[in-house]
PDB file of N, CA and C in Angstrom:
ATOM      1  N   LYS A   1      84.407  84.978  83.508  1.00  0.00           N
ATOM      2  CA  LYS A   1      85.062  85.466  84.196  1.00  0.00           C
ATOM      3  C   LYS A   1      85.241  84.563  85.463  1.00  0.00           C
ATOM      4  N   ARG A   2      85.942  84.554  86.509  1.00  0.00           N
ATOM      5  CA  ARG A   2      86.741  83.766  87.510  1.00  0.00           C
ATOM      6  C   ARG A   2      86.428  84.192  88.432  1.00  0.00           C
ATOM      7  N   PRO A   3      85.946  84.546  89.832  1.00  0.00           N
ATOM      8  CA  PRO A   3      85.794  85.004  90.565  1.00  0.00           C
ATOM      9  C   PRO A   3      87.090  85.151  91.180  1.00  0.00           C
ATOM     10  N   LEU A   4      87.290  86.581  91.866  1.00  0.00           N
ATOM     11  CA  LEU A   4      88.902  86.371  92.801  1.00  0.00           C
ATOM     12  C   LEU A   4      88.519  87.518  93.582  1.00  0.00           C
ATOM     13  N   PHE A   5      89.466  87.246  94.702  1.00  0.00           N
ATOM     14  CA  PHE A   5      89.623  87.859  96.111  1.00  0.00           C
ATOM     15  C   PHE A   5      91.059  88.536  96.155  1.00  0.00           C
ATOM     16  N   VAL A   6      91.071  89.428  96.153  1.00  0.00           N
ATOM     17  CA  VAL A   6      92.132  90.186  96.414  1.00  0.00           C
ATOM     18  C   VAL A   6      92.256  90.965  98.262  1.00  0.00           C
ATOM     19  N   LYS A   7      93.619  90.576  98.230  1.00  0.00           N
ATOM     20  CA  LYS A   7      93.674  92.037  99.558  1.00  0.00           C
ATOM     21  C   LYS A   7      95.248  92.374  98.970  1.00  0.00           C
ATOM     22  N   THR A   8      94.874  93.950  99.572  1.00  0.00           N
ATOM     23  CA  THR A   8      96.217  94.605  98.912  1.00  0.00           C
ATOM     24  C   THR A   8      96.858  95.356 100.465  1.00  0.00           C
ATOM     25  N   ILE A   9      97.842  95.042 100.571  1.00  0.00           N
ATOM     26  CA  ILE A   9      99.222  94.859 101.941  1.00  0.00           C
ATOM     27  C   ILE A   9     100.135  95.403 101.353  1.00  0.00           C
ATOM     28  N   VAL A  10      99.709  96.869 102.765  1.00  0.00           N
ATOM     29  CA  VAL A  10     101.126  97.840 102.725  1.00  0.00           C
ATOM     30  C   VAL A  10     102.542  97.702 103.780  1.00  0.00           C
ATOM     31  N   SER A  11     103.319  97.715 103.870  1.00  0.00           N
ATOM     32  CA  SER A  11     104.025  97.606 105.080  1.00  0.00           C
ATOM     33  C   SER A  11     104.886  98.742 105.615  1.00  0.00           C
ATOM     34  N   GLU A  12     105.142  98.535 106.944  1.00  0.00           N
ATOM     35  CA  GLU A  12     105.973  99.804 107.388  1.00  0.00           C
ATOM     36  C   GLU A  12     107.186 100.199 106.643  1.00  0.00           C
ATOM     37  N   GLN A  13     107.376  98.855 105.992  1.00  0.00           N
ATOM     38  CA  GLN A  13     108.987  98.786 105.031  1.00  0.00           C
ATOM     39  C   GLN A  13     108.761 100.055 103.763  1.00  0.00           C
ATOM     40  N   GLY A  14     107.394  99.856 103.227  1.00  0.00           N
ATOM     41  CA  GLY A  14     106.939 100.421 102.484  1.00  0.00           C
ATOM     42  C   GLY A  14     107.444  99.653 101.360  1.00  0.00           C
ATOM     43  N   LEU A  15     106.639  97.809 101.602  1.00  0.00           N
ATOM     44  CA  LEU A  15     106.353  96.712 100.384  1.00  0.00           C
ATOM     45  C   LEU A  15     105.073  97.065 100.088  1.00  0.00           C
ATOM     46  N   VAL A  16     104.717  96.948  98.939  1.00  0.00           N
ATOM     47  CA  VAL A  16     102.908  96.582  98.494  1.00  0.00           C
ATOM     48  C   VAL A  16     103.027  95.123  97.868  1.00  0.00           C
ATOM     49  N   ALA A  17     101.691  94.342  98.382  1.00  0.00           N
ATOM     50  CA  ALA A  17     101.721  93.177  97.941  1.00  0.00           C
ATOM     51  C   ALA A  17     100.003  93.089  97.599  1.00  0.00           C
ATOM     52  N   PHE A  18      99.830  92.671  96.416  1.00  0.00           N
ATOM     53  CA  PHE A  18      98.497  92.157  95.720  1.00  0.00           C
ATOM     54  C   PHE A  18      98.218  90.592  95.831  1.00  0.00           C
ATOM     55  N   CYS A  19      97.864  90.227  96.745  1.00  0.00           N
ATOM     56  CA  CYS A  19      97.516  88.664  97.188  1.00  0.00           C
ATOM     57  C   CYS A  19      96.490  88.527  96.513  1.00  0.00           C
ATOM     58  N   MET A  20      96.628  87.421  95.645  1.00  0.00           N
ATOM     59  CA  MET A  20      94.949  87.551  94.617  1.00  0.00           C
ATOM     60  C   MET A  20      94.765  86.026  95.037  1.00  0.00           C
ATOM     61  N   LYS A  21      93.372  85.697  94.933  1.00  0.00           N
ATOM     62  CA  LYS A  21      93.103  84.299  94.998  1.00  0.00           C
ATOM     63  C   LYS A  21      92.313  83.792  94.107  1.00  0.00           C
ATOM     64  N   GLU A  22      92.144  82.772  93.091  1.00  0.00           N
ATOM     65  CA  GLU A  22      91.121  82.982  92.463  1.00  0.00           C
ATOM     66  C   GLU A  22      90.333  81.666  92.556  1.00  0.00           C
ATOM     67  N   TYR A  23      89.115  81.872  92.588  1.00  0.00           N
ATOM     68  CA  TYR A  23      88.059  80.579  93.097  1.00  0.00           C
ATOM     69  C   TYR A  23      88.099  79.073  92.054  1.00  0.00           C
ATOM     70  N   THR A  24      89.559  79.084  91.789  1.00  0.00           N
ATOM     71  CA  THR A  24      89.397  77.724  90.571  1.00  0.00           C
ATOM     72  C   THR A  24      90.006  76.888  91.058  1.00  0.00           C
ATOM     73  N   PRO A  25      90.220  75.510  90.767  1.00  0.00           N
ATOM     74  CA  PRO A  25      90.813  74.170  91.551  1.00  0.00           C
ATOM     75  C   PRO A  25      92.195  74.387  91.561  1.00  0.00           C
ATOM     76  N   LYS A  26      92.896  75.128  90.706  1.00  0.00           N
ATOM     77  CA  LYS A  26      94.144  75.198  90.851  1.00  0.00           C
ATOM     78  C   LYS A  26      95.084  76.618  90.884  1.00  0.00           C
ATOM     79  N   SER A  27      96.181  76.406  91.668  1.00  0.00           N
ATOM     80  CA  SER A  27      96.896  77.650  91.598  1.00  0.00           C
ATOM     81  C   SER A  27      98.155  77.797  91.234  1.00  0.00           C
ATOM     82  N   PRO A  28      98.473  79.088  90.777  1.00  0.00           N
ATOM     83  CA  PRO A  28      99.500  79.835  89.752  1.00  0.00           C
ATOM     84  C   PRO A  28     100.731  79.261  90.603  1.00  0.00           C
ATOM     85  N   ALA A  29     101.687  78.374  89.337  1.00  0.00           N
ATOM     86  CA  ALA A  29     102.709  78.100  89.784  1.00  0.00           C
ATOM     87  C   ALA A  29     104.065  79.364  89.963  1.00  0.00           C
ATOM     88  N   VAL A  30     105.319  79.502  91.091  1.00  0.00           N
ATOM     89  CA  VAL A  30     106.245  80.180  90.629  1.00  0.00           C
ATOM     90  C   VAL A  30     106.674  80.347  89.481  1.00  0.00           C
ATOM     91  N   HIS A  31     106.635  81.761  89.186  1.00  0.00           N
ATOM     92  CA  HIS A  31     107.367  81.641  88.142  1.00  0.00           C
ATOM     93  C   HIS A  31     107.613  83.254  87.745  1.00  0.00           C
ATOM     94  N   PHE A  32     108.660  83.610  87.451  1.00  0.00           N
ATOM     95  CA  PHE A  32     108.943  85.015  86.463  1.00  0.00           C
ATOM     96  C   PHE A  32     108.453  85.788  85.784  1.00  0.00           C
ATOM     97  N   VAL A  33     107.495  86.583  85.486  1.00  0.00           N
ATOM     98  CA  VAL A  33     107.319  87.244  83.807  1.00  0.00           C
ATOM     99  C   VAL A  33     107.533  88.878  83.909  1.00  0.00           C
ATOM    100  N   ASP A  34     107.609  89.157  82.741  1.00  0.00           N
ATOM    101  CA  ASP A  34     107.561  90.709  82.639  1.00  0.00           C
ATOM    102  C   ASP A  34     105.941  91.176  82.410  1.00  0.00           C
ATOM    103  N   GLY A  35     105.636  91.445  83.270  1.00  0.00           N
ATOM    104  CA  GLY A  35     104.149  91.856  83.714  1.00  0.00           C
ATOM    105  C   GLY A  35     103.647  93.613  83.758  1.00  0.00           C
ATOM    106  N   LYS A  36     102.613  94.100  83.824  1.00  0.00           N
ATOM    107  CA  LYS A  36     102.454  95.123  83.636  1.00  0.00           C
ATOM    108  C   LYS A  36     101.535  95.698  85.290  1.00  0.00           C
ATOM    109  N   VAL A  37     101.759  96.568  85.522  1.00  0.00           N
ATOM    110  CA  VAL A  37     100.750  96.977  86.922  1.00  0.00           C
ATOM    111  C   VAL A  37     100.134  98.659  86.564  1.00  0.00           C
ATOM    112  N   MET A  38      98.440  98.644  86.255  1.00  0.00           N
ATOM    113  CA  MET A  38      98.213  99.747  85.786  1.00  0.00           C
ATOM    114  C   MET A  38      97.049 100.082  87.540  1.00  0.00           C
ATOM    115  N   MET A  39      97.622 101.119  87.244  1.00  0.00           N
ATOM    116  CA  MET A  39      96.254 101.823  88.714  1.00  0.00           C
ATOM    117  C   MET A  39      95.331 103.387  87.925  1.00  0.00           C
ATOM    118  N   LYS A  40      94.394 103.196  87.943  1.00  0.00           N
ATOM    119  CA  LYS A  40      93.768 104.697  87.427  1.00  0.00           C
ATOM    120  C   LYS A  40      92.845 105.225  88.742  1.00  0.00           C
ATOM    121  N   ASN A  41      92.553 106.104  89.275  1.00  0.00           N
ATOM    122  CA  ASN A  41      91.917 106.743  90.217  1.00  0.00           C
ATOM    123  C   ASN A  41      90.496 107.609  89.861  1.00  0.00           C
ATOM    124  N   SER A  42      89.676 108.094  90.712  1.00  0.00           N
ATOM    125  CA  SER A  42      88.433 108.463  90.336  1.00  0.00           C
ATOM    126  C   SER A  42      88.380 109.728  89.538  1.00  0.00           C
ATOM    127  N   ARG A  43      89.759 110.357  89.661  1.00  0.00           N
ATOM    128  CA  ARG A  43      90.126 111.437  89.147  1.00  0.00           C
ATOM    129  C   ARG A  43      90.565 111.496  87.867  1.00  0.00           C
ATOM    130  N   GLY A  44      90.797 110.315  87.706  1.00  0.00           N
ATOM    131  CA  GLY A  44      91.516 110.114  86.114  1.00  0.00           C
ATOM    132  C   GLY A  44      92.710 109.876  86.035  1.00  0.00           C
ATOM    133  N   ASP A  45      93.479 109.830  86.739  1.00  0.00           N
ATOM    134  CA  ASP A  45      95.281 109.836  87.079  1.00  0.00           C
ATOM    135  C   ASP A  45      95.193 108.652  86.657  1.00  0.00           C
ATOM    136  N   MET A  46      96.543 108.358  86.164  1.00  0.00           N
ATOM    137  CA  MET A  46      96.695 106.632  85.956  1.00  0.00           C
ATOM    138  C   MET A  46      98.169 106.672  86.149  1.00  0.00           C
ATOM    139  N   ILE A  47      98.945 105.308  86.766  1.00  0.00           N
ATOM    140  CA  ILE A  47     100.353 104.827  86.848  1.00  0.00           C
ATOM    141  C   ILE A  47     100.513 103.877  86.156  1.00  0.00           C
ATOM    142  N   ILE A  48     101.627 103.353  85.402  1.00  0.00           N
ATOM    143  CA  ILE A  48     101.863 102.396  84.757  1.00  0.00           C
ATOM    144  C   ILE A  48     102.783 101.905  85.199  1.00  0.00           C
ATOM    145  N   PHE A  49     103.253 100.202  85.661  1.00  0.00           N
ATOM    146  CA  PHE A  49     104.633 100.175  85.502  1.00  0.00           C
ATOM    147  C   PHE A  49     104.624  98.832  85.177  1.00  0.00           C
ATOM    148  N   ASN A  50     105.884  98.796  84.303  1.00  0.00           N
ATOM    149  CA  ASN A  50     106.331  97.261  83.373  1.00  0.00           C
ATOM    150  C   ASN A  50     107.774  96.806  84.068  1.00  0.00           C
ATOM    151  N   GLY A  51     107.771  95.635  84.373  1.00  0.00           N
ATOM    152  CA  GLY A  51     108.454  94.888  85.218  1.00  0.00           C
ATOM    153  C   GLY A  51     108.598  93.763  85.167  1.00  0.00           C
ATOM    154  N   THR A  52     109.436  92.839  85.891  1.00  0.00           N
ATOM    155  CA  THR A  52     109.535  91.389  85.682  1.00  0.00           C
ATOM    156  C   THR A  52     109.130  91.317  87.462  1.00  0.00           C
ATOM    157  N   TYR A  53     107.978  90.208  87.649  1.00  0.00           N
ATOM    158  CA  TYR A  53     107.680  90.205  89.121  1.00  0.00           C
ATOM    159  C   TYR A  53     107.459  88.792  89.522  1.00  0.00           C
ATOM    160  N   ARG A  54     107.760  87.954  90.499  1.00  0.00           N
ATOM    161  CA  ARG A  54     107.742  87.140  91.028  1.00  0.00           C
ATOM    162  C   ARG A  54     106.537  86.761  91.333  1.00  0.00           C
ATOM    163  N   TRP A  55     105.414  85.957  90.637  1.00  0.00           N
ATOM    164  CA  TRP A  55     104.687  85.473  91.266  1.00  0.00           C
ATOM    165  C   TRP A  55     104.190  84.049  92.173  1.00  0.00           C
ATOM    166  N   SER A  56     103.773  84.290  92.926  1.00  0.00           N
ATOM    167  CA  SER A  56     103.662  83.254  94.689  1.00  0.00           C
ATOM    168  C   SER A  56     102.919  82.424  94.518  1.00  0.00           C
ATOM    169  N   PRO A  57     103.187  81.553  94.544  1.00  0.00           N
ATOM    170  CA  PRO A  57     102.687  79.590  94.080  1.00  0.00           C
ATOM    171  C   PRO A  57     101.110  79.989  94.928  1.00  0.00           C
ATOM    172  N   LYS A  58     100.974  81.120  95.950  1.00  0.00           N
ATOM    173  CA  LYS A  58      99.628  81.112  96.948  1.00  0.00           C
ATOM    174  C   LYS A  58      98.722  82.086  95.927  1.00  0.00           C
ATOM    175  N   GLY A  59      99.884  82.423  94.755  1.00  0.00           N
ATOM    176  CA  GLY A  59      98.974  83.663  94.030  1.00  0.00           C
ATOM    177  C   GLY A  59      99.202  85.103  94.512  1.00  0.00           C
ATOM    178  N   GLY A  60      99.622  85.784  93.741  1.00  0.00           N
ATOM    179  CA  GLY A  60      99.833  87.742  93.788  1.00  0.00           C
ATOM    180  C   GLY A  60     101.394  87.917  93.359  1.00  0.00           C
ATOM    181  N   ILE A  61     101.779  88.940  94.041  1.00  0.00           N
ATOM    182  CA  ILE A  61     102.829  89.650  93.431  1.00  0.00           C
ATOM    183  C   ILE A  61     103.015  90.456  94.211  1.00  0.00           C
ATOM    184  N   GLY A  62     104.749  90.621  94.800  1.00  0.00           N
ATOM    185  CA  GLY A  62     105.145  91.546  95.710  1.00  0.00           C
ATOM    186  C   GLY A  62     105.957  92.537  94.966  1.00  0.00           C
ATOM    187  N   VAL A  63     105.665  94.040  95.047  1.00  0.00           N
ATOM    188  CA  VAL A  63     106.262  95.499  94.918  1.00  0.00           C
ATOM    189  C   VAL A  63     107.230  95.830  95.789  1.00  0.00           C
ATOM    190  N   GLY A  64     108.652  96.131  95.170  1.00  0.00           N
ATOM    191  CA  GLY A  64     108.841  96.870  96.220  1.00  0.00           C
ATOM    192  C   GLY A  64     109.978  98.069  95.600  1.00  0.00           C
ATOM    193  N   GLY A  65     110.719  99.005  96.644  1.00  0.00           N
ATOM    194  CA  GLY A  65     111.394 100.379  95.529  1.00  0.00           C
ATOM    195  C   GLY A  65     110.418 101.120  95.379  1.00  0.00           C
ATOM    196  N   TYR A  66     111.450 101.724  94.149  1.00  0.00           N
ATOM    197  CA  TYR A  66     110.655 102.781  93.332  1.00  0.00           C
ATOM    198  C   TYR A  66     108.954 102.463  93.515  1.00  0.00           C
ATOM    199  N   GLU A  67     108.666 101.935  92.751  1.00  0.00           N
ATOM    200  CA  GLU A  67     107.236 101.062  92.098  1.00  0.00           C
ATOM    201  C   GLU A  67     106.171 101.406  93.466  1.00  0.00           C
ATOM    202  N   ALA A  68     106.813 100.667  94.518  1.00  0.00           N
ATOM    203  CA  ALA A  68     106.244 100.401  95.609  1.00  0.00           C
ATOM    204  C   ALA A  68     105.826 101.939  96.269  1.00  0.00           C
ATOM    205  N   GLY A  69     106.871 102.563  96.491  1.00  0.00           N
ATOM    206  CA  GLY A  69     106.547 104.257  96.738  1.00  0.00           C
ATOM    207  C   GLY A  69     105.657 104.814  95.692  1.00  0.00           C
ATOM    208  N   ALA A  70     105.690 104.915  94.710  1.00  0.00           N
ATOM    209  CA  ALA A  70     104.905 105.700  93.518  1.00  0.00           C
ATOM    210  C   ALA A  70     103.488 104.898  93.508  1.00  0.00           C
ATOM    211  N   ILE A  71     102.756 103.865  94.246  1.00  0.00           N
ATOM    212  CA  ILE A  71     102.101 102.680  94.078  1.00  0.00           C
ATOM    213  C   ILE A  71     101.293 103.455  95.812  1.00  0.00           C
ATOM    214  N   ILE A  72     102.348 103.548  96.840  1.00  0.00           N
ATOM    215  CA  ILE A  72     101.769 104.310  98.190  1.00  0.00           C
ATOM    216  C   ILE A  72     101.049 105.490  97.952  1.00  0.00           C
ATOM    217  N   GLU A  73     101.786 106.171  97.502  1.00  0.00           N
ATOM    218  CA  GLU A  73     101.948 107.618  96.942  1.00  0.00           C
ATOM    219  C   GLU A  73     100.089 107.959  96.209  1.00  0.00           C
ATOM    220  N   PHE A  74     100.440 107.291  95.430  1.00  0.00           N
ATOM    221  CA  PHE A  74      99.345 107.021  94.481  1.00  0.00           C
ATOM    222  C   PHE A  74      97.741 106.988  95.152  1.00  0.00           C
ATOM    223  N   LEU A  75      98.167 106.053  95.895  1.00  0.00           N
ATOM    224  CA  LEU A  75      96.906 105.243  96.892  1.00  0.00           C
ATOM    225  C   LEU A  75      96.557 106.857  97.984  1.00  0.00           C
ATOM    226  N   LYS A  76      97.381 107.117  98.383  1.00  0.00           N
ATOM    227  CA  LYS A  76      97.489 108.382  99.605  1.00  0.00           C
ATOM    228  C   LYS A  76      96.492 109.607  98.661  1.00  0.00           C
ATOM    229  N   GLU A  77      97.223 109.712  97.294  1.00  0.00           N
ATOM    230  CA  GLU A  77      96.543 111.174  96.953  1.00  0.00           C
ATOM    231  C   GLU A  77      94.556 110.945  95.993  1.00  0.00           C
ATOM    232  N   SER A  78      94.449 109.843  96.462  1.00  0.00           N
ATOM    233  CA  SER A  78      93.345 109.308  95.695  1.00  0.00           C
ATOM    234  C   SER A  78      92.029 109.167  96.648  1.00  0.00           C
ATOM    235  N   ILE A  79      90.777 109.301  95.904  1.00  0.00           N
ATOM    236  CA  ILE A  79      89.808 109.363  97.020  1.00  0.00           C
ATOM    237  C   ILE A  79      88.615 108.411  96.722  1.00  0.00           C
ATOM    238  N   GLY A  80      88.145 107.577  96.937  1.00  0.00           N
ATOM    239  CA  GLY A  80      87.330 106.441  96.647  1.00  0.00           C
ATOM    240  C   GLY A  80      87.825 105.625  96.061  1.00  0.00           C
ATOM    241  N   ILE A  81      87.280 105.132  94.714  1.00  0.00           N
ATOM    242  CA  ILE A  81      87.935 104.028  93.944  1.00  0.00           C
ATOM    243  C   ILE A  81      88.761 104.203  93.161  1.00  0.00           C
ATOM    244  N   VAL A  82      90.032 103.080  93.281  1.00  0.00           N
ATOM    245  CA  VAL A  82      91.320 103.369  92.471  1.00  0.00           C
ATOM    246  C   VAL A  82      91.075 101.786  91.977  1.00  0.00           C
ATOM    247  N   LYS A  83      90.796 101.475  90.566  1.00  0.00           N
ATOM    248  CA  LYS A  83      90.799 100.862  89.646  1.00  0.00           C
ATOM    249  C   LYS A  83      92.367 100.338  89.257  1.00  0.00           C
ATOM    250  N   ILE A  84      92.593  99.298  89.580  1.00  0.00           N
ATOM    251  CA  ILE A  84      93.653  98.209  89.408  1.00  0.00           C
ATOM    252  C   ILE A  84      93.467  97.132  88.155  1.00  0.00           C
ATOM    253  N   MET A  85      94.863  96.887  87.290  1.00  0.00           N
ATOM    254  CA  MET A  85      94.657  95.986  86.694  1.00  0.00           C
ATOM    255  C   MET A  85      96.095  95.193  86.478  1.00  0.00           C
ATOM    256  N   ILE A  86      96.182  94.301  86.609  1.00  0.00           N
ATOM    257  CA  ILE A  86      98.138  93.301  86.747  1.00  0.00           C
ATOM    258  C   ILE A  86      97.847  92.168  85.446  1.00  0.00           C
ATOM    259  N   TYR A  87      98.712  92.198  84.651  1.00  0.00           N
ATOM    260  CA  TYR A  87      98.559  91.577  83.414  1.00  0.00           C
ATOM    261  C   TYR A  87     100.089  90.611  83.743  1.00  0.00           C
ATOM    262  N   ASP A  88      99.729  89.508  83.741  1.00  0.00           N
ATOM    263  CA  ASP A  88     101.044  88.195  84.280  1.00  0.00           C
ATOM    264  C   ASP A  88     102.142  88.097  82.739  1.00  0.00           C
ATOM    265  N   GLY A  89     101.902  88.904  81.853  1.00  0.00           N
ATOM    266  CA  GLY A  89     102.910  88.649  80.358  1.00  0.00           C
ATOM    267  C   GLY A  89     102.607  87.257  79.912  1.00  0.00           C
ATOM    268  N   HIS A  90     101.472  86.420  80.378  1.00  0.00           N
ATOM    269  CA  HIS A  90     101.024  85.864  79.304  1.00  0.00           C
ATOM    270  C   HIS A  90      99.373  85.911  78.833  1.00  0.00           C
ATOM    271  N   HIS A  91      98.802  85.322  79.679  1.00  0.00           N
ATOM    272  CA  HIS A  91      97.494  85.386  79.021  1.00  0.00           C
ATOM    273  C   HIS A  91      96.560  85.858  80.162  1.00  0.00           C
ATOM    274  N   SER A  92      96.771  86.199  81.636  1.00  0.00           N
ATOM    275  CA  SER A  92      95.673  86.473  82.493  1.00  0.00           C
ATOM    276  C   SER A  92      96.310  87.909  82.591  1.00  0.00           C
ATOM    277  N   LYS A  93      94.695  88.669  82.977  1.00  0.00           N
ATOM    278  CA  LYS A  93      94.212  90.236  83.670  1.00  0.00           C
ATOM    279  C   LYS A  93      94.158  89.857  84.468  1.00  0.00           C
ATOM    280  N   TYR A  94      94.376  90.733  86.132  1.00  0.00           N
ATOM    281  CA  TYR A  94      93.436  90.385  86.843  1.00  0.00           C
ATOM    282  C   TYR A  94      93.006  91.945  87.341  1.00  0.00           C
ATOM    283  N   ARG A  95      91.796  92.406  87.184  1.00  0.00           N
ATOM    284  CA  ARG A  95      90.883  93.754  87.228  1.00  0.00           C
ATOM    285  C   ARG A  95      90.290  93.519  88.577  1.00  0.00           C
ATOM    286  N   PHE A  96      90.632  94.505  89.582  1.00  0.00           N
ATOM    287  CA  PHE A  96      89.451  94.844  90.730  1.00  0.00           C
ATOM    288  C   PHE A  96      89.840  96.030  90.976  1.00  0.00           C
ATOM    289  N   ASP A  97      89.052  96.576  92.216  1.00  0.00           N
ATOM    290  CA  ASP A  97      89.129  97.900  92.224  1.00  0.00           C
ATOM    291  C   ASP A  97      89.585  97.912  94.085  1.00  0.00           C
ATOM    292  N   VAL A  98      90.026  98.880  94.641  1.00  0.00           N
ATOM    293  CA  VAL A  98      90.810  99.438  96.141  1.00  0.00           C
ATOM    294  C   VAL A  98      89.835 100.522  96.065  1.00  0.00           C
ATOM    295  N   ASN A  99      89.374 100.660  97.474  1.00  0.00           N
ATOM    296  CA  ASN A  99      88.951 101.838  98.202  1.00  0.00           C
ATOM    297  C   ASN A  99      89.392 102.831  98.788  1.00  0.00           C
ATOM    298  N   ALA A 100      90.284 103.538  98.450  1.00  0.00           N
ATOM    299  CA  ALA A 100      91.217 104.422  98.870  1.00  0.00           C
ATOM    300  C   ALA A 100      90.726 105.198 100.007  1.00  0.00           C
ATOM    301  N   ASN A 101      89.712 105.406 100.090  1.00  0.00           N
ATOM    302  CA  ASN A 101      88.805 106.384 101.316  1.00  0.00           C
ATOM    303  C   ASN A 101      89.744 106.084 102.734  1.00  0.00           C
ATOM    304  N   GLY A 102      90.626 106.875 103.111  1.00  0.00           N
ATOM    305  CA  GLY A 102      90.674 106.275 104.811  1.00  0.00           C
ATOM    306  C   GLY A 102      92.459 105.626 104.347  1.00  0.00           C
ATOM    307  N   PHE A 103      92.923 105.513 103.017  1.00  0.00           N
ATOM    308  CA  PHE A 103      94.267 104.817 102.935  1.00  0.00           C
ATOM    309  C   PHE A 103      95.063 105.929 103.471  1.00  0.00           C
ATOM    310  N   THR A 104      95.175 107.132 103.564  1.00  0.00           N
ATOM    311  CA  THR A 104      96.333 107.601 103.687  1.00  0.00           C
ATOM    312  C   THR A 104      96.355 107.831 105.646  1.00  0.00           C
ATOM    313  N   ALA A 105      95.376 108.017 105.988  1.00  0.00           N
ATOM    314  CA  ALA A 105      95.418 108.098 107.639  1.00  0.00           C
ATOM    315  C   ALA A 105      95.633 106.590 108.036  1.00  0.00           C
ATOM    316  N   SER A 106      95.580 105.737 107.738  1.00  0.00           N
ATOM    317  CA  SER A 106      96.041 104.275 108.091  1.00  0.00           C
ATOM    318  C   SER A 106      97.640 104.056 107.689  1.00  0.00           C
ATOM    319  N   TYR A 107      97.942 104.587 106.393  1.00  0.00           N
ATOM    320  CA  TYR A 107      99.232 104.181 106.663  1.00  0.00           C
ATOM    321  C   TYR A 107     100.002 105.413 107.470  1.00  0.00           C
ATOM    322  N   ASN A 108      99.814 106.380 107.627  1.00  0.00           N
ATOM    323  CA  ASN A 108     100.273 107.557 108.339  1.00  0.00           C
ATOM    324  C   ASN A 108     100.857 106.264 110.136  1.00  0.00           C
ATOM    325  N   TYR A 109      99.198 106.148 110.244  1.00  0.00           N
ATOM    326  CA  TYR A 109      99.443 105.472 111.667  1.00  0.00           C
ATOM    327  C   TYR A 109     100.565 104.029 111.720  1.00  0.00           C
ATOM    328  N   ILE A 110     100.706 103.169 110.745  1.00  0.00           N
ATOM    329  CA  ILE A 110     101.469 102.486 110.881  1.00  0.00           C
ATOM    330  C   ILE A 110     103.355 102.674 110.513  1.00  0.00           C
ATOM    331  N   THR A 111     102.784 104.020 110.192  1.00  0.00           N
ATOM    332  CA  THR A 111     104.766 104.626 109.717  1.00  0.00           C
ATOM    333  C   THR A 111     105.176 105.523 110.693  1.00  0.00           C
ATOM    334  N   GLU A 112     104.480 105.785 111.855  1.00  0.00           N
ATOM    335  CA  GLU A 112     104.842 106.689 112.660  1.00  0.00           C
ATOM    336  C   GLU A 112     105.778 106.239 113.877  1.00  0.00           C
TER     337      GLU A 112
END
């Protein structure tokens, strides 16, 4: 397994980005792929999105529109750890956890 550092960013405009950096010598190239984003919270609730995502040369994807809104609502309704898996449509699966505790208060603060 390759170590992975992930930042989950939510903007005031309701966009979500998963910024991923693998600790390997090469960075992913910009490309569009049919990928999948799956999220499962500690209650066992799950959401899955299939779509075409643009991968950044610095590592990561941005999600907008309906999917971003659904991700934000899912995180707001979750408590504790949310397991996330992103499949890039080719050969890589990125798995990481996000702690959703305090997400609702923080999100409400930036959107007021």
